[in-house]
Amino acid sequence: MPGFIPKHNRVVESRAFLDLTKLPSSLIVLGGGVIGCEFACMAAQLGVKVTIVEMLEDILMILDADIRKELRAHLEKKLNIRVLTGKPMENIKADAAKVSGTFGDEKLEAELLLVAVGRRPYTEGLGLDKVGIEKSKPGFIEVDEYCRTSKATIYAIGDVNGGIQLAHNATAQGMVAAENAAGRRRKAETVVPSCIFTSPRLGAWV
């Protein structure tokens, strides 16, 4: 959770959102990436009034512009999701009744704020410093094309190595790492199929 976001039970990230036992009547989704758009669609289809706020010029900037245009039109016209882009949400506050903030000169309010602005690596407790494994500046474990760390006998797979953060990619890397640890020389895939579970669903190679 970014430091500028207030700590409050009306402010959640994606895992905490899935733990809710009751849906809010209104929801602001901070972040128009994959997770933000997927959760926005899910909530809207369940009857929640949803607003997406993305500081970049459009949602899902990893996709081609024509695909983004079609998806955004569907979100706004079919699911009644309000999509605000090109400015950050600022002055975020939370109290017992609501969450509020500003988008330019406009004040936004909702019952809940879902923060979906990305993830950072969590490697504390792995003892990487004790074995001399190098990390990148953002904190990911650096690996080569064989999923091998700077220590030749130690491998790292999945989100922690800074690659494409998808479960099937982590599984594939695990198979590569296991085979290489057993003496083979197999490279991990660099092009990975991806499905984005918005409405409509999108398929891509990333």
N, C-alpha and C. Protein backbone atom coordinates (compact mmCIF):
# COMPACT_ATOMS: atom_id res chain seq x y z
N MET A 1 0.86 -1.19 0.00
CA MET A 1 0.00 0.00 0.00
C MET A 1 0.89 1.24 0.00
N PRO A 2 0.74 2.14 -0.97
CA PRO A 2 1.57 3.34 -1.02
C PRO A 2 1.42 4.19 0.24
N GLY A 3 2.48 4.92 0.57
CA GLY A 3 2.49 5.69 1.81
C GLY A 3 1.50 6.82 1.86
N PHE A 4 1.06 7.35 0.70
CA PHE A 4 0.13 8.48 0.71
C PHE A 4 -1.32 8.03 0.91
N ILE A 5 -1.56 6.73 0.97
CA ILE A 5 -2.92 6.21 1.17
C ILE A 5 -3.19 6.07 2.67
N PRO A 6 -4.29 6.62 3.17
CA PRO A 6 -4.59 6.48 4.61
C PRO A 6 -4.91 5.03 4.99
N LYS A 7 -4.51 4.65 6.17
CA LYS A 7 -4.82 3.32 6.69
C LYS A 7 -6.20 3.36 7.34
N HIS A 8 -7.13 2.63 6.76
CA HIS A 8 -8.51 2.65 7.25
C HIS A 8 -9.22 1.43 6.70
N ASN A 9 -10.26 0.96 7.41
CA ASN A 9 -10.97 -0.24 6.95
C ASN A 9 -11.82 0.02 5.71
N ARG A 10 -11.95 1.26 5.31
CA ARG A 10 -12.62 1.58 4.04
C ARG A 10 -11.63 1.67 2.87
N VAL A 11 -10.39 1.37 3.14
CA VAL A 11 -9.35 1.37 2.10
C VAL A 11 -8.74 -0.03 2.05
N VAL A 12 -8.86 -0.72 0.93
CA VAL A 12 -8.40 -2.11 0.84
C VAL A 12 -7.59 -2.30 -0.43
N GLU A 13 -6.79 -3.38 -0.42
CA GLU A 13 -6.13 -3.82 -1.65
C GLU A 13 -6.88 -5.05 -2.15
N SER A 14 -6.40 -5.65 -3.25
CA SER A 14 -7.19 -6.68 -3.93
C SER A 14 -7.45 -7.91 -3.06
N ARG A 15 -6.48 -8.33 -2.29
CA ARG A 15 -6.70 -9.52 -1.45
C ARG A 15 -7.75 -9.24 -0.37
N ALA A 16 -7.66 -8.08 0.25
CA ALA A 16 -8.63 -7.74 1.28
C ALA A 16 -10.03 -7.56 0.69
N PHE A 17 -10.11 -7.09 -0.55
CA PHE A 17 -11.41 -6.95 -1.20
C PHE A 17 -12.09 -8.31 -1.33
N LEU A 18 -11.33 -9.34 -1.63
CA LEU A 18 -11.90 -10.67 -1.77
C LEU A 18 -12.36 -11.26 -0.43
N ASP A 19 -11.88 -10.68 0.67
CA ASP A 19 -12.30 -11.15 1.99
C ASP A 19 -13.58 -10.48 2.48
N LEU A 20 -14.08 -9.51 1.74
CA LEU A 20 -15.30 -8.81 2.17
C LEU A 20 -16.48 -9.78 2.21
N THR A 21 -17.32 -9.60 3.21
CA THR A 21 -18.54 -10.42 3.30
C THR A 21 -19.77 -9.65 2.84
N LYS A 22 -19.58 -8.35 2.54
CA LYS A 22 -20.67 -7.52 2.05
C LYS A 22 -20.10 -6.54 1.04
N LEU A 23 -20.78 -6.39 -0.08
CA LEU A 23 -20.32 -5.46 -1.10
C LEU A 23 -20.67 -4.03 -0.74
N PRO A 24 -19.80 -3.08 -1.09
CA PRO A 24 -20.14 -1.67 -0.89
C PRO A 24 -21.16 -1.24 -1.95
N SER A 25 -21.87 -0.16 -1.68
CA SER A 25 -22.79 0.37 -2.68
C SER A 25 -22.04 1.13 -3.77
N SER A 26 -20.89 1.70 -3.40
CA SER A 26 -20.09 2.45 -4.36
C SER A 26 -18.61 2.17 -4.10
N LEU A 27 -17.82 2.23 -5.17
CA LEU A 27 -16.42 1.84 -5.09
C LEU A 27 -15.58 2.72 -6.01
N ILE A 28 -14.48 3.24 -5.48
CA ILE A 28 -13.46 3.89 -6.30
C ILE A 28 -12.31 2.92 -6.43
N VAL A 29 -11.90 2.65 -7.66
CA VAL A 29 -10.74 1.79 -7.91
C VAL A 29 -9.58 2.69 -8.31
N LEU A 30 -8.57 2.73 -7.50
CA LEU A 30 -7.40 3.55 -7.78
C LEU A 30 -6.38 2.71 -8.55
N GLY A 31 -6.30 2.95 -9.85
CA GLY A 31 -5.40 2.19 -10.71
C GLY A 31 -6.17 1.50 -11.82
N GLY A 32 -5.80 1.80 -13.06
CA GLY A 32 -6.49 1.22 -14.20
C GLY A 32 -5.67 0.17 -14.92
N GLY A 33 -4.89 -0.58 -14.16
CA GLY A 33 -4.14 -1.69 -14.73
C GLY A 33 -5.00 -2.94 -14.77
N VAL A 34 -4.34 -4.09 -14.90
CA VAL A 34 -5.06 -5.35 -15.03
C VAL A 34 -5.92 -5.63 -13.80
N ILE A 35 -5.33 -5.59 -12.62
CA ILE A 35 -6.08 -5.92 -11.40
C ILE A 35 -7.20 -4.92 -11.18
N GLY A 36 -6.92 -3.64 -11.35
CA GLY A 36 -7.94 -2.63 -11.14
C GLY A 36 -9.13 -2.81 -12.06
N CYS A 37 -8.87 -3.05 -13.34
CA CYS A 37 -9.97 -3.21 -14.30
C CYS A 37 -10.74 -4.51 -14.09
N GLU A 38 -10.03 -5.58 -13.74
CA GLU A 38 -10.72 -6.84 -13.48
C GLU A 38 -11.67 -6.72 -12.29
N PHE A 39 -11.19 -6.12 -11.21
CA PHE A 39 -12.03 -5.98 -10.02
C PHE A 39 -13.16 -4.99 -10.25
N ALA A 40 -12.90 -3.95 -11.04
CA ALA A 40 -13.95 -2.98 -11.35
C ALA A 40 -15.09 -3.66 -12.10
N CYS A 41 -14.74 -4.51 -13.08
CA CYS A 41 -15.78 -5.23 -13.83
C CYS A 41 -16.56 -6.18 -12.93
N MET A 42 -15.85 -6.90 -12.09
CA MET A 42 -16.52 -7.84 -11.19
C MET A 42 -17.50 -7.11 -10.29
N ALA A 43 -17.06 -6.00 -9.69
CA ALA A 43 -17.93 -5.26 -8.78
C ALA A 43 -19.13 -4.67 -9.50
N ALA A 44 -18.88 -4.10 -10.69
CA ALA A 44 -19.98 -3.49 -11.44
C ALA A 44 -21.03 -4.52 -11.84
N GLN A 45 -20.58 -5.71 -12.22
CA GLN A 45 -21.53 -6.76 -12.60
C GLN A 45 -22.32 -7.28 -11.41
N LEU A 46 -21.85 -7.00 -10.21
CA LEU A 46 -22.56 -7.38 -8.99
C LEU A 46 -23.40 -6.23 -8.44
N GLY A 47 -23.48 -5.15 -9.22
CA GLY A 47 -24.38 -4.06 -8.84
C GLY A 47 -23.75 -2.89 -8.12
N VAL A 48 -22.44 -2.85 -8.02
CA VAL A 48 -21.75 -1.76 -7.33
C VAL A 48 -21.54 -0.60 -8.30
N LYS A 49 -21.71 0.62 -7.82
CA LYS A 49 -21.42 1.81 -8.61
C LYS A 49 -19.92 2.04 -8.57
N VAL A 50 -19.24 1.95 -9.72
CA VAL A 50 -17.78 1.91 -9.76
C VAL A 50 -17.20 3.09 -10.53
N THR A 51 -16.13 3.66 -9.98
CA THR A 51 -15.33 4.68 -10.65
C THR A 51 -13.88 4.22 -10.67
N ILE A 52 -13.26 4.21 -11.84
CA ILE A 52 -11.84 3.91 -11.97
C ILE A 52 -11.09 5.23 -12.12
N VAL A 53 -10.00 5.38 -11.35
CA VAL A 53 -9.14 6.56 -11.48
C VAL A 53 -7.73 6.09 -11.85
N GLU A 54 -7.24 6.55 -12.99
CA GLU A 54 -5.91 6.17 -13.48
C GLU A 54 -5.16 7.44 -13.87
N MET A 55 -3.95 7.62 -13.32
CA MET A 55 -3.21 8.85 -13.58
C MET A 55 -2.61 8.89 -14.99
N LEU A 56 -2.41 7.73 -15.62
CA LEU A 56 -1.93 7.71 -17.00
C LEU A 56 -3.03 8.12 -17.95
N GLU A 57 -2.71 8.28 -19.21
CA GLU A 57 -3.67 8.80 -20.18
C GLU A 57 -4.80 7.83 -20.50
N ASP A 58 -4.64 6.56 -20.17
CA ASP A 58 -5.69 5.58 -20.44
C ASP A 58 -5.51 4.38 -19.52
N ILE A 59 -6.52 3.54 -19.47
CA ILE A 59 -6.44 2.29 -18.72
C ILE A 59 -5.68 1.25 -19.53
N LEU A 60 -5.15 0.26 -18.84
CA LEU A 60 -4.49 -0.89 -19.48
C LEU A 60 -3.53 -0.47 -20.59
N MET A 61 -2.56 0.35 -20.23
CA MET A 61 -1.62 0.88 -21.21
C MET A 61 -0.70 -0.18 -21.81
N ILE A 62 -0.73 -1.39 -21.28
CA ILE A 62 0.06 -2.47 -21.86
C ILE A 62 -0.55 -2.99 -23.15
N LEU A 63 -1.80 -2.58 -23.45
CA LEU A 63 -2.50 -3.07 -24.63
C LEU A 63 -2.46 -2.05 -25.76
N ASP A 64 -2.75 -2.52 -26.97
CA ASP A 64 -2.83 -1.64 -28.12
C ASP A 64 -3.99 -0.66 -27.95
N ALA A 65 -3.85 0.52 -28.55
CA ALA A 65 -4.85 1.58 -28.38
C ALA A 65 -6.24 1.18 -28.85
N ASP A 66 -6.32 0.43 -29.95
CA ASP A 66 -7.64 0.06 -30.46
C ASP A 66 -8.36 -0.90 -29.51
N ILE A 67 -7.60 -1.77 -28.85
CA ILE A 67 -8.22 -2.68 -27.88
C ILE A 67 -8.67 -1.91 -26.65
N ARG A 68 -7.83 -0.99 -26.19
CA ARG A 68 -8.19 -0.15 -25.04
C ARG A 68 -9.47 0.63 -25.32
N LYS A 69 -9.59 1.15 -26.51
CA LYS A 69 -10.76 1.95 -26.89
C LYS A 69 -12.04 1.11 -26.80
N GLU A 70 -11.98 -0.11 -27.32
CA GLU A 70 -13.16 -0.98 -27.30
C GLU A 70 -13.53 -1.35 -25.86
N LEU A 71 -12.52 -1.69 -25.06
CA LEU A 71 -12.80 -2.08 -23.67
C LEU A 71 -13.38 -0.91 -22.89
N ARG A 72 -12.75 0.25 -23.03
CA ARG A 72 -13.23 1.41 -22.28
C ARG A 72 -14.67 1.75 -22.63
N ALA A 73 -15.00 1.68 -23.91
CA ALA A 73 -16.37 1.94 -24.34
C ALA A 73 -17.34 0.96 -23.70
N HIS A 74 -16.94 -0.30 -23.62
CA HIS A 74 -17.80 -1.32 -23.02
C HIS A 74 -17.97 -1.06 -21.52
N LEU A 75 -16.88 -0.71 -20.84
CA LEU A 75 -16.97 -0.44 -19.40
C LEU A 75 -17.92 0.72 -19.13
N GLU A 76 -17.81 1.75 -19.93
CA GLU A 76 -18.60 2.96 -19.67
C GLU A 76 -20.05 2.80 -20.11
N LYS A 77 -20.29 2.18 -21.26
CA LYS A 77 -21.65 2.12 -21.81
C LYS A 77 -22.44 0.91 -21.32
N LYS A 78 -21.77 -0.24 -21.19
CA LYS A 78 -22.47 -1.47 -20.82
C LYS A 78 -22.49 -1.72 -19.31
N LEU A 79 -21.38 -1.39 -18.65
CA LEU A 79 -21.29 -1.67 -17.22
C LEU A 79 -21.47 -0.42 -16.36
N ASN A 80 -21.62 0.74 -17.01
CA ASN A 80 -21.83 2.01 -16.30
C ASN A 80 -20.69 2.33 -15.33
N ILE A 81 -19.49 1.92 -15.70
CA ILE A 81 -18.30 2.26 -14.91
C ILE A 81 -17.80 3.62 -15.36
N ARG A 82 -17.57 4.50 -14.43
CA ARG A 82 -16.99 5.80 -14.77
C ARG A 82 -15.47 5.65 -14.81
N VAL A 83 -14.86 6.04 -15.92
CA VAL A 83 -13.41 5.90 -16.10
C VAL A 83 -12.79 7.28 -16.20
N LEU A 84 -11.95 7.62 -15.21
CA LEU A 84 -11.27 8.92 -15.16
C LEU A 84 -9.78 8.69 -15.36
N THR A 85 -9.19 9.33 -16.35
CA THR A 85 -7.77 9.12 -16.65
C THR A 85 -7.06 10.45 -16.85
N GLY A 86 -5.73 10.39 -16.76
CA GLY A 86 -4.91 11.55 -17.06
C GLY A 86 -4.54 12.42 -15.89
N LYS A 87 -5.05 12.10 -14.70
CA LYS A 87 -4.71 12.86 -13.48
C LYS A 87 -4.68 11.90 -12.30
N PRO A 88 -3.91 12.22 -11.27
CA PRO A 88 -3.91 11.37 -10.07
C PRO A 88 -5.09 11.71 -9.16
N MET A 89 -5.44 10.78 -8.33
CA MET A 89 -6.40 11.06 -7.27
C MET A 89 -5.61 11.60 -6.08
N GLU A 90 -6.02 12.73 -5.57
CA GLU A 90 -5.29 13.39 -4.50
C GLU A 90 -6.19 13.65 -3.30
N ASN A 91 -5.55 14.11 -2.21
CA ASN A 91 -6.28 14.49 -1.00
C ASN A 91 -7.19 13.37 -0.51
N ILE A 92 -6.67 12.16 -0.52
CA ILE A 92 -7.48 10.99 -0.15
C ILE A 92 -7.70 10.96 1.37
N LYS A 93 -8.97 10.84 1.75
CA LYS A 93 -9.33 10.79 3.16
C LYS A 93 -10.37 9.69 3.37
N ALA A 94 -10.36 9.12 4.56
CA ALA A 94 -11.34 8.07 4.90
C ALA A 94 -11.86 8.30 6.30
N ASP A 95 -13.16 8.11 6.47
CA ASP A 95 -13.75 8.20 7.80
C ASP A 95 -14.79 7.09 7.95
N ALA A 96 -15.57 7.15 8.98
CA ALA A 96 -16.52 6.07 9.26
C ALA A 96 -17.61 5.95 8.21
N ALA A 97 -17.85 7.03 7.46
CA ALA A 97 -18.95 7.02 6.51
C ALA A 97 -18.53 6.79 5.07
N LYS A 98 -17.32 7.26 4.68
CA LYS A 98 -16.96 7.23 3.26
C LYS A 98 -15.46 7.42 3.07
N VAL A 99 -15.07 7.28 1.81
CA VAL A 99 -13.72 7.63 1.35
C VAL A 99 -13.89 8.76 0.34
N SER A 100 -13.01 9.75 0.41
CA SER A 100 -13.11 10.87 -0.52
C SER A 100 -11.74 11.24 -1.06
N GLY A 101 -11.75 11.99 -2.14
CA GLY A 101 -10.51 12.47 -2.75
C GLY A 101 -10.86 13.43 -3.87
N THR A 102 -9.84 13.94 -4.52
CA THR A 102 -10.08 14.85 -5.63
C THR A 102 -9.43 14.34 -6.91
N PHE A 103 -10.10 14.62 -8.02
CA PHE A 103 -9.57 14.34 -9.35
C PHE A 103 -9.62 15.66 -10.09
N GLY A 104 -8.48 16.35 -10.10
CA GLY A 104 -8.50 17.72 -10.60
C GLY A 104 -9.35 18.58 -9.69
N ASP A 105 -10.33 19.26 -10.25
CA ASP A 105 -11.23 20.11 -9.46
C ASP A 105 -12.45 19.36 -8.94
N GLU A 106 -12.58 18.11 -9.30
CA GLU A 106 -13.77 17.34 -8.93
C GLU A 106 -13.55 16.54 -7.65
N LYS A 107 -14.53 16.54 -6.78
CA LYS A 107 -14.46 15.74 -5.56
C LYS A 107 -15.12 14.39 -5.80
N LEU A 108 -14.44 13.34 -5.40
CA LEU A 108 -14.96 11.98 -5.54
C LEU A 108 -15.26 11.41 -4.17
N GLU A 109 -16.35 10.65 -4.06
CA GLU A 109 -16.70 9.98 -2.82
C GLU A 109 -17.23 8.59 -3.12
N ALA A 110 -16.95 7.66 -2.22
CA ALA A 110 -17.48 6.30 -2.35
C ALA A 110 -17.47 5.64 -0.98
N GLU A 111 -18.13 4.51 -0.91
CA GLU A 111 -18.17 3.76 0.35
C GLU A 111 -16.85 3.04 0.61
N LEU A 112 -16.13 2.70 -0.48
CA LEU A 112 -14.90 1.93 -0.34
C LEU A 112 -13.89 2.36 -1.40
N LEU A 113 -12.61 2.30 -1.06
CA LEU A 113 -11.53 2.57 -2.01
C LEU A 113 -10.71 1.29 -2.17
N LEU A 114 -10.61 0.82 -3.41
CA LEU A 114 -9.76 -0.32 -3.73
C LEU A 114 -8.48 0.20 -4.37
N VAL A 115 -7.36 -0.04 -3.72
CA VAL A 115 -6.06 0.43 -4.22
C VAL A 115 -5.44 -0.67 -5.06
N ALA A 116 -5.27 -0.40 -6.35
CA ALA A 116 -4.71 -1.40 -7.27
C ALA A 116 -3.65 -0.72 -8.14
N VAL A 117 -2.62 -0.23 -7.49
CA VAL A 117 -1.58 0.54 -8.20
C VAL A 117 -0.29 -0.26 -8.38
N GLY A 118 -0.39 -1.57 -8.33
CA GLY A 118 0.80 -2.38 -8.57
C GLY A 118 1.31 -3.07 -7.30
N ARG A 119 2.31 -3.89 -7.49
CA ARG A 119 2.88 -4.65 -6.37
C ARG A 119 4.39 -4.47 -6.32
N ARG A 120 4.94 -4.62 -5.15
CA ARG A 120 6.39 -4.58 -5.00
C ARG A 120 6.87 -5.92 -4.45
N PRO A 121 8.12 -6.28 -4.73
CA PRO A 121 8.62 -7.58 -4.27
C PRO A 121 8.76 -7.63 -2.75
N TYR A 122 8.49 -8.79 -2.19
CA TYR A 122 8.66 -9.00 -0.74
C TYR A 122 9.59 -10.19 -0.55
N THR A 123 10.82 -9.90 -0.16
CA THR A 123 11.83 -10.97 -0.02
C THR A 123 12.40 -11.04 1.40
N GLU A 124 11.84 -10.25 2.32
CA GLU A 124 12.33 -10.29 3.69
C GLU A 124 12.19 -11.70 4.28
N GLY A 125 13.19 -12.12 5.01
CA GLY A 125 13.14 -13.43 5.65
C GLY A 125 13.72 -14.56 4.82
N LEU A 126 14.09 -14.28 3.57
CA LEU A 126 14.66 -15.32 2.72
C LEU A 126 16.16 -15.50 2.94
N GLY A 127 16.78 -14.56 3.64
CA GLY A 127 18.21 -14.67 3.91
C GLY A 127 19.08 -14.48 2.68
N LEU A 128 18.64 -13.66 1.74
CA LEU A 128 19.40 -13.48 0.50
C LEU A 128 20.78 -12.89 0.75
N ASP A 129 20.87 -11.98 1.73
CA ASP A 129 22.15 -11.36 2.03
C ASP A 129 23.16 -12.35 2.58
N LYS A 130 22.67 -13.39 3.24
CA LYS A 130 23.57 -14.38 3.84
C LYS A 130 24.24 -15.26 2.80
N VAL A 131 23.58 -15.43 1.67
CA VAL A 131 24.16 -16.27 0.62
C VAL A 131 24.69 -15.44 -0.55
N GLY A 132 24.54 -14.11 -0.45
CA GLY A 132 25.11 -13.24 -1.46
C GLY A 132 24.34 -13.14 -2.75
N ILE A 133 23.02 -13.34 -2.69
CA ILE A 133 22.21 -13.22 -3.89
C ILE A 133 21.89 -11.75 -4.15
N GLU A 134 22.09 -11.32 -5.38
CA GLU A 134 21.89 -9.93 -5.75
C GLU A 134 20.41 -9.65 -6.06
N LYS A 135 20.01 -8.43 -5.73
CA LYS A 135 18.65 -7.98 -6.06
C LYS A 135 18.75 -6.74 -6.95
N SER A 136 17.73 -6.55 -7.77
CA SER A 136 17.69 -5.36 -8.60
C SER A 136 17.30 -4.16 -7.73
N LYS A 137 17.36 -2.98 -8.30
CA LYS A 137 17.05 -1.77 -7.55
C LYS A 137 15.64 -1.79 -6.96
N PRO A 138 14.62 -2.24 -7.72
CA PRO A 138 13.28 -2.32 -7.11
C PRO A 138 13.15 -3.41 -6.04
N GLY A 139 14.13 -4.31 -5.95
CA GLY A 139 14.10 -5.34 -4.93
C GLY A 139 13.80 -6.73 -5.42
N PHE A 140 13.71 -6.94 -6.74
CA PHE A 140 13.50 -8.27 -7.27
C PHE A 140 14.80 -9.08 -7.26
N ILE A 141 14.66 -10.41 -7.21
CA ILE A 141 15.82 -11.29 -7.28
C ILE A 141 16.21 -11.43 -8.75
N GLU A 142 17.42 -11.06 -9.08
CA GLU A 142 17.86 -11.12 -10.47
C GLU A 142 18.19 -12.55 -10.87
N VAL A 143 17.69 -12.94 -12.03
CA VAL A 143 17.95 -14.28 -12.56
C VAL A 143 18.36 -14.17 -14.03
N ASP A 144 19.00 -15.23 -14.53
CA ASP A 144 19.33 -15.27 -15.94
C ASP A 144 18.23 -16.02 -16.70
N GLU A 145 18.48 -16.32 -17.96
CA GLU A 145 17.45 -16.97 -18.79
C GLU A 145 17.16 -18.40 -18.37
N TYR A 146 17.96 -18.93 -17.45
CA TYR A 146 17.73 -20.28 -16.94
C TYR A 146 17.07 -20.26 -15.55
N CYS A 147 16.61 -19.09 -15.11
CA CYS A 147 16.00 -18.87 -13.79
C CYS A 147 17.02 -19.01 -12.67
N ARG A 148 18.29 -18.87 -13.00
CA ARG A 148 19.37 -19.03 -12.02
C ARG A 148 19.76 -17.66 -11.46
N THR A 149 19.92 -17.60 -10.14
CA THR A 149 20.34 -16.37 -9.48
C THR A 149 21.85 -16.18 -9.64
N SER A 150 22.38 -15.16 -8.98
CA SER A 150 23.82 -14.92 -9.04
C SER A 150 24.61 -16.03 -8.35
N LYS A 151 23.93 -16.86 -7.59
CA LYS A 151 24.54 -18.07 -7.03
C LYS A 151 24.07 -19.25 -7.87
N ALA A 152 25.00 -19.90 -8.54
CA ALA A 152 24.68 -20.87 -9.59
C ALA A 152 23.79 -22.02 -9.13
N THR A 153 23.80 -22.33 -7.83
CA THR A 153 23.00 -23.47 -7.35
C THR A 153 21.64 -23.06 -6.79
N ILE A 154 21.31 -21.78 -6.89
CA ILE A 154 20.04 -21.29 -6.35
C ILE A 154 19.23 -20.66 -7.48
N TYR A 155 17.96 -21.04 -7.57
CA TYR A 155 17.07 -20.56 -8.62
C TYR A 155 15.92 -19.77 -7.99
N ALA A 156 15.33 -18.88 -8.77
CA ALA A 156 14.19 -18.09 -8.29
C ALA A 156 13.14 -18.03 -9.40
N ILE A 157 11.90 -18.33 -9.04
CA ILE A 157 10.82 -18.35 -10.03
C ILE A 157 9.66 -17.48 -9.57
N GLY A 158 8.81 -17.13 -10.51
CA GLY A 158 7.57 -16.43 -10.18
C GLY A 158 7.74 -14.93 -10.00
N ASP A 159 6.79 -14.32 -9.30
CA ASP A 159 6.76 -12.86 -9.16
C ASP A 159 8.04 -12.29 -8.57
N VAL A 160 8.72 -13.05 -7.73
CA VAL A 160 9.87 -12.52 -7.00
C VAL A 160 11.05 -12.19 -7.91
N ASN A 161 11.08 -12.74 -9.12
CA ASN A 161 12.21 -12.44 -10.00
C ASN A 161 11.92 -11.31 -10.99
N GLY A 162 10.78 -10.66 -10.84
CA GLY A 162 10.50 -9.47 -11.64
C GLY A 162 10.01 -9.74 -13.04
N GLY A 163 9.68 -10.98 -13.36
CA GLY A 163 9.16 -11.30 -14.68
C GLY A 163 7.67 -11.03 -14.78
N ILE A 164 7.04 -11.65 -15.74
CA ILE A 164 5.60 -11.49 -15.94
C ILE A 164 4.86 -12.16 -14.79
N GLN A 165 4.03 -11.41 -14.09
CA GLN A 165 3.43 -11.88 -12.84
C GLN A 165 2.12 -12.62 -13.10
N LEU A 166 2.26 -13.84 -13.60
CA LEU A 166 1.12 -14.71 -13.86
C LEU A 166 1.43 -16.10 -13.33
N ALA A 167 0.41 -16.77 -12.79
CA ALA A 167 0.62 -18.07 -12.16
C ALA A 167 1.16 -19.11 -13.15
N HIS A 168 0.63 -19.13 -14.37
CA HIS A 168 1.10 -20.15 -15.31
C HIS A 168 2.54 -19.87 -15.75
N ASN A 169 2.95 -18.60 -15.71
CA ASN A 169 4.35 -18.30 -16.01
C ASN A 169 5.26 -18.80 -14.89
N ALA A 170 4.81 -18.63 -13.64
CA ALA A 170 5.59 -19.12 -12.50
C ALA A 170 5.71 -20.64 -12.55
N THR A 171 4.62 -21.32 -12.91
CA THR A 171 4.66 -22.78 -13.03
C THR A 171 5.66 -23.22 -14.09
N ALA A 172 5.64 -22.55 -15.23
CA ALA A 172 6.57 -22.88 -16.31
C ALA A 172 8.01 -22.62 -15.88
N GLN A 173 8.24 -21.54 -15.17
CA GLN A 173 9.59 -21.25 -14.67
C GLN A 173 10.03 -22.31 -13.66
N GLY A 174 9.09 -22.77 -12.85
CA GLY A 174 9.43 -23.80 -11.87
C GLY A 174 9.92 -25.08 -12.54
N MET A 175 9.28 -25.45 -13.64
CA MET A 175 9.70 -26.64 -14.38
C MET A 175 11.08 -26.42 -14.99
N VAL A 176 11.32 -25.22 -15.51
CA VAL A 176 12.63 -24.91 -16.08
C VAL A 176 13.71 -24.97 -15.00
N ALA A 177 13.43 -24.35 -13.86
CA ALA A 177 14.42 -24.33 -12.77
C ALA A 177 14.73 -25.74 -12.27
N ALA A 178 13.68 -26.56 -12.12
CA ALA A 178 13.89 -27.92 -11.64
C ALA A 178 14.74 -28.74 -12.61
N GLU A 179 14.46 -28.61 -13.90
CA GLU A 179 15.23 -29.35 -14.90
C GLU A 179 16.69 -28.88 -14.95
N ASN A 180 16.87 -27.57 -14.85
CA ASN A 180 18.23 -27.05 -14.87
C ASN A 180 19.01 -27.43 -13.61
N ALA A 181 18.32 -27.47 -12.48
CA ALA A 181 18.98 -27.90 -11.25
C ALA A 181 19.41 -29.36 -11.34
N ALA A 182 18.70 -30.12 -12.19
CA ALA A 182 19.03 -31.53 -12.38
C ALA A 182 20.06 -31.76 -13.50
N GLY A 183 20.56 -30.66 -14.08
CA GLY A 183 21.63 -30.81 -15.05
C GLY A 183 21.31 -30.46 -16.48
N ARG A 184 20.04 -30.11 -16.77
CA ARG A 184 19.70 -29.73 -18.15
C ARG A 184 20.05 -28.26 -18.40
N ARG A 185 19.93 -27.82 -19.64
CA ARG A 185 20.16 -26.42 -20.00
C ARG A 185 18.94 -25.94 -20.78
N ARG A 186 17.89 -25.59 -20.06
CA ARG A 186 16.64 -25.18 -20.68
C ARG A 186 16.34 -23.74 -20.32
N LYS A 187 16.00 -22.94 -21.32
CA LYS A 187 15.71 -21.53 -21.11
C LYS A 187 14.22 -21.31 -20.81
N ALA A 188 13.94 -20.32 -20.00
CA ALA A 188 12.56 -19.95 -19.71
C ALA A 188 11.96 -19.21 -20.90
N GLU A 189 10.67 -19.34 -21.08
CA GLU A 189 9.98 -18.65 -22.16
C GLU A 189 10.00 -17.14 -21.90
N THR A 190 10.13 -16.37 -22.96
CA THR A 190 10.12 -14.91 -22.83
C THR A 190 8.84 -14.28 -23.36
N VAL A 191 8.04 -15.05 -24.09
CA VAL A 191 6.74 -14.57 -24.56
C VAL A 191 5.68 -15.46 -23.92
N VAL A 192 4.74 -14.83 -23.21
CA VAL A 192 3.80 -15.59 -22.38
C VAL A 192 2.37 -15.19 -22.73
N PRO A 193 1.47 -16.16 -22.96
CA PRO A 193 0.06 -15.83 -23.20
C PRO A 193 -0.60 -15.30 -21.93
N SER A 194 -1.44 -14.32 -22.10
CA SER A 194 -2.09 -13.69 -20.94
C SER A 194 -3.56 -13.47 -21.23
N CYS A 195 -4.39 -13.71 -20.23
CA CYS A 195 -5.82 -13.40 -20.34
C CYS A 195 -6.17 -12.37 -19.27
N ILE A 196 -6.84 -11.32 -19.67
CA ILE A 196 -7.27 -10.29 -18.73
C ILE A 196 -8.77 -10.49 -18.51
N PHE A 197 -9.15 -10.74 -17.27
CA PHE A 197 -10.53 -11.13 -16.97
C PHE A 197 -11.42 -9.93 -16.70
N THR A 198 -11.45 -9.02 -17.68
CA THR A 198 -12.41 -7.93 -17.67
C THR A 198 -13.68 -8.43 -18.36
N SER A 199 -14.60 -7.52 -18.60
CA SER A 199 -15.79 -7.85 -19.39
C SER A 199 -15.89 -6.84 -20.53
N PRO A 200 -15.59 -7.24 -21.78
CA PRO A 200 -15.25 -8.60 -22.22
C PRO A 200 -13.82 -8.99 -21.83
N ARG A 201 -13.56 -10.29 -21.85
CA ARG A 201 -12.21 -10.78 -21.56
C ARG A 201 -11.29 -10.48 -22.74
N LEU A 202 -10.03 -10.30 -22.41
CA LEU A 202 -9.03 -9.96 -23.43
C LEU A 202 -7.91 -10.97 -23.41
N GLY A 203 -7.39 -11.31 -24.56
CA GLY A 203 -6.24 -12.20 -24.66
C GLY A 203 -5.09 -11.45 -25.26
N ALA A 204 -3.86 -11.75 -24.79
CA ALA A 204 -2.69 -11.05 -25.31
C ALA A 204 -1.45 -11.90 -25.11
N TRP A 205 -0.39 -11.53 -25.82
CA TRP A 205 0.93 -12.10 -25.56
C TRP A 205 1.78 -11.00 -24.94
N VAL A 206 2.38 -11.31 -23.80
CA VAL A 206 3.16 -10.30 -23.09
C VAL A 206 4.59 -10.78 -22.87
